[in-house]
Protein backbone atom coordinates (compact mmCIF):
# COMPACT_ATOMS: atom_id res chain seq x y z
CA MET A 1 83.89 74.01 81.02
CA ALA A 2 85.38 77.22 79.77
CA THR A 3 88.57 79.05 80.62
CA TYR A 4 88.59 82.42 82.35
CA ALA A 5 88.36 84.04 78.90
CA ALA A 6 84.69 82.93 78.69
CA ILE A 7 83.15 86.23 79.86
CA ALA A 8 84.93 88.20 77.12
CA SER A 9 84.18 85.54 74.54
CA VAL A 10 80.41 85.53 75.21
CA GLY A 11 80.07 89.27 74.70
CA GLN A 12 82.08 89.22 71.48
CA ALA A 13 80.10 86.23 70.18
CA ILE A 14 76.74 87.94 70.80
CA LEU A 15 77.94 91.00 68.89
CA ALA A 16 79.29 88.77 66.05
CA LEU A 17 75.91 87.07 65.76
CA LEU A 18 74.18 90.42 65.42
CA GLU A 19 76.76 91.83 62.99
CA GLN A 20 76.55 88.75 60.71
CA SER A 21 72.73 88.89 60.70
CA CYS A 22 72.47 92.65 60.18
CA PRO A 23 70.30 93.73 57.19
CA LYS A 24 72.97 95.92 55.59
CA PRO A 25 70.78 97.90 53.16
CA GLU A 26 68.81 99.35 56.10
CA PHE A 27 71.58 99.60 58.71
CA GLU A 28 74.59 100.18 56.41
CA GLY A 29 76.68 102.12 58.95
CA ALA A 30 75.76 100.12 62.04
CA LYS A 31 78.51 99.29 64.52
CA PHE A 32 78.45 96.50 67.12
CA GLU A 33 80.51 97.24 70.22
CA LEU A 34 81.06 96.19 73.81
CA TYR A 35 80.56 99.22 76.04
CA GLN A 36 82.04 100.26 79.35
CA ALA A 37 80.37 102.83 81.55
CA GLY A 38 82.36 105.75 80.07
CA ASP A 39 81.24 104.93 76.53
CA PHE A 40 77.68 106.06 77.25
CA LYS A 41 78.89 109.67 77.49
CA THR A 42 79.90 109.68 73.80
CA PRO A 43 77.91 106.88 72.14
CA MET A 44 78.13 105.69 68.54
CA ASP A 45 75.99 107.29 65.87
CA GLU A 46 74.32 104.06 64.79
CA GLY A 47 74.48 100.47 65.93
CA ILE A 48 74.17 98.19 68.91
CA SER A 49 76.07 98.42 72.17
CA LEU A 50 76.33 95.57 74.66
CA PHE A 51 77.07 96.51 78.29
CA LEU A 52 77.85 93.83 80.85
CA TYR A 53 76.27 95.33 83.95
CA ARG A 54 76.26 92.35 86.27
CA VAL A 55 77.96 89.02 86.78
CA ALA A 56 76.30 86.70 89.32
CA PRO A 57 76.68 83.12 90.48
CA SER A 58 74.16 80.97 88.64
CA THR A 59 71.17 79.99 90.73
CA VAL A 60 70.37 77.09 88.40
CA ARG A 61 73.13 74.65 89.37
CA ARG A 62 75.81 75.14 91.96
CA ASN A 63 77.02 71.62 92.88
CA LEU A 64 78.80 70.56 89.72
CA SER A 65 81.76 68.25 89.79
CA GLY A 66 85.02 69.20 88.19
CA ARG A 67 86.13 67.75 84.86
CA GLU A 68 88.58 64.84 84.82
CA ASP A 69 91.63 65.24 82.59
CA ALA A 70 93.37 62.55 80.51
CA LEU A 71 95.61 61.64 83.48
CA GLY A 72 92.61 61.05 85.79
CA ARG A 73 93.07 64.23 87.78
CA ARG A 74 89.83 65.98 88.68
CA ALA A 75 89.76 69.76 88.57
CA ARG A 76 88.03 71.72 91.27
CA ARG A 77 84.35 72.35 90.65
CA PRO A 78 83.58 75.00 88.00
CA LEU A 79 82.25 78.44 88.78
CA PRO A 80 78.78 78.75 87.17
CA LEU A 81 77.99 82.32 86.21
CA ASP A 82 75.10 84.27 84.74
CA LEU A 83 76.15 87.28 82.64
CA CYS A 84 73.65 90.18 82.57
CA TYR A 85 73.74 92.44 79.52
CA LEU A 86 72.11 95.71 78.52
CA LEU A 87 71.55 95.74 74.75
CA THR A 88 71.07 99.28 73.45
CA PRO A 89 70.31 100.49 69.90
CA TRP A 90 71.72 103.84 68.78
CA ALA A 91 70.52 105.91 65.87
CA LYS A 92 69.94 109.55 64.82
CA SER A 93 66.13 109.06 64.73
CA ALA A 94 63.88 107.32 67.20
CA ALA A 95 62.16 105.37 64.42
CA LYS A 96 65.49 103.88 63.24
CA GLN A 97 66.52 103.18 66.81
CA HIS A 98 63.29 101.25 67.39
CA ARG A 99 63.82 99.23 64.18
CA LEU A 100 67.34 98.37 65.29
CA LEU A 101 66.05 97.26 68.67
CA ALA A 102 63.25 95.09 67.22
CA TRP A 103 65.55 93.49 64.66
CA SER A 104 68.25 92.67 67.25
CA MET A 105 65.72 91.24 69.74
CA ARG A 106 64.19 89.06 66.99
CA THR A 107 67.65 87.85 65.95
CA LEU A 108 68.55 86.85 69.52
CA GLU A 109 65.20 85.13 69.97
CA ASP A 110 65.82 83.15 66.77
CA THR A 111 69.25 82.05 67.95
CA PRO A 112 69.11 81.76 71.75
CA THR A 113 71.82 79.09 72.01
CA LEU A 114 75.42 79.82 71.14
CA THR A 115 77.45 76.69 70.44
CA ALA A 116 81.07 76.14 71.46
CA GLY A 117 82.11 76.31 67.82
CA PHE A 118 80.51 79.72 67.38
CA LEU A 119 81.81 81.00 70.74
CA ASN A 120 85.32 79.81 70.01
CA HIS A 121 85.33 81.16 66.48
CA HIS A 122 83.98 84.63 67.33
CA GLY A 123 85.13 85.03 70.92
CA ARG A 124 88.31 86.98 71.10
CA PRO A 125 91.11 86.93 72.21
CA GLU A 126 91.36 83.14 72.81
CA PRO A 127 89.87 80.77 70.27
CA ASP A 128 89.74 77.58 72.40
CA THR A 129 87.87 78.92 75.40
CA PHE A 130 84.90 76.48 75.37
CA LEU A 131 84.90 72.66 75.19
CA PRO A 132 83.14 71.16 72.13
CA ASP A 133 80.02 70.08 74.05
CA GLU A 134 79.43 73.44 75.77
CA THR A 135 76.73 75.94 74.94
CA VAL A 136 75.59 79.32 76.33
CA THR A 137 71.89 80.16 76.33
CA LEU A 138 70.62 83.73 76.04
CA VAL A 139 67.29 84.63 77.65
CA GLN A 140 65.59 87.96 77.78
CA ASP A 141 65.37 89.34 81.29
CA THR A 142 62.78 91.79 82.51
CA LEU A 143 63.97 94.40 84.94
CA SER A 144 61.75 96.58 87.09
CA ILE A 145 61.70 100.29 86.29
CA GLN A 146 63.84 100.98 89.36
CA ASP A 147 66.41 98.34 88.44
CA MET A 148 66.56 99.68 84.88
CA LEU A 149 67.16 103.18 86.18
CA ASN A 150 69.87 101.87 88.46
CA VAL A 151 71.61 100.19 85.51
CA TRP A 152 71.28 103.35 83.46
CA GLU A 153 72.90 105.46 86.20
CA VAL A 154 76.14 105.01 84.25
CA GLY A 155 74.58 106.42 81.09
CA LYS A 156 73.02 109.66 82.35
CA PRO A 157 71.97 111.86 80.63
CA ASN A 158 71.91 109.61 77.50
CA ILE A 159 69.28 107.14 78.77
CA GLN A 160 68.02 105.05 75.80
CA VAL A 161 65.43 102.39 75.15
CA SER A 162 67.14 99.03 75.78
CA ALA A 163 66.65 95.31 76.30
CA THR A 164 68.25 93.16 78.98
CA TYR A 165 69.52 89.64 78.48
CA ILE A 166 71.13 86.93 80.59
CA ALA A 167 73.73 84.49 79.28
CA ARG A 168 73.05 81.54 81.52
CA MET A 169 75.37 78.93 82.97
CA VAL A 170 78.79 80.08 81.77
CA LEU A 171 81.01 77.56 83.53
CA ILE A 172 84.53 78.82 84.34
CA GLU A 173 86.82 75.89 84.88
CA SER A 174 89.44 75.82 87.60
CA ALA A 175 93.08 75.39 86.65
CA ILE A 176 93.74 73.65 89.99
CA SER A 177 93.39 69.90 90.37
CA ASP A 178 92.17 68.40 93.61
CA THR A 179 94.82 65.98 94.77
CA GLN A 180 93.55 62.67 96.00
CA GLY A 181 95.49 59.98 97.67
CA PRO A 182 95.18 56.29 96.87
CA PRO A 183 92.13 54.45 98.24
CA ALA A 184 92.43 53.48 101.90
CA GLN A 185 93.46 49.87 102.45
CA THR A 186 93.35 49.70 106.23
CA ARG A 187 92.23 51.92 109.10
CA ALA A 188 94.41 52.63 112.07
CA PHE A 189 92.59 54.37 114.90
CA GLY A 190 95.58 54.65 117.31
CA LEU A 191 93.55 53.50 120.31
CA GLY A 192 95.47 51.66 122.96
CA ARG A 193 94.24 48.76 125.01
CA THR A 194 92.45 49.78 128.21
CA GLU A 195 92.81 47.80 131.39
CA GLY A 196 90.11 47.53 133.83
């Protein structure tokens, strides 16, 4: 289970995957950046932006038990999250923008699972965010036209062709241990004798 730095690490790792795989001769000046809402008003000239537009509790698994540490203390159950991203290509021409989009979608389809080693190596600012056996899976998400317009409300008037992805089951571990007493040896009900 990951630390609270997991959300930032996942976005950085997705961009690192794309940047490492980028065919430099064709997209020599491409940048790969996390975007906030204000960045859509003055976007980059060429590259890929990744905008985290929604964070939701995962609907896949909710009742997970907390991890037990070396001293036998069990942490509170993790918070399973789905991270929803808007991936947008930017270029001076529509044709180049479309090529950037197709290339980035193919790259993410070819590498849908990000391992803990990759996430920890490329996720900044903390290198040990994920445990060695953890992974994050990226799946393409299809939004309705209305939902896509709602997401793009932040980017008006620079609405661009985009793809949406979900990073599934990012487990945020609690730093709080549940305290448990020793096992019960006897039961005392505190009932007195009744006379009748």
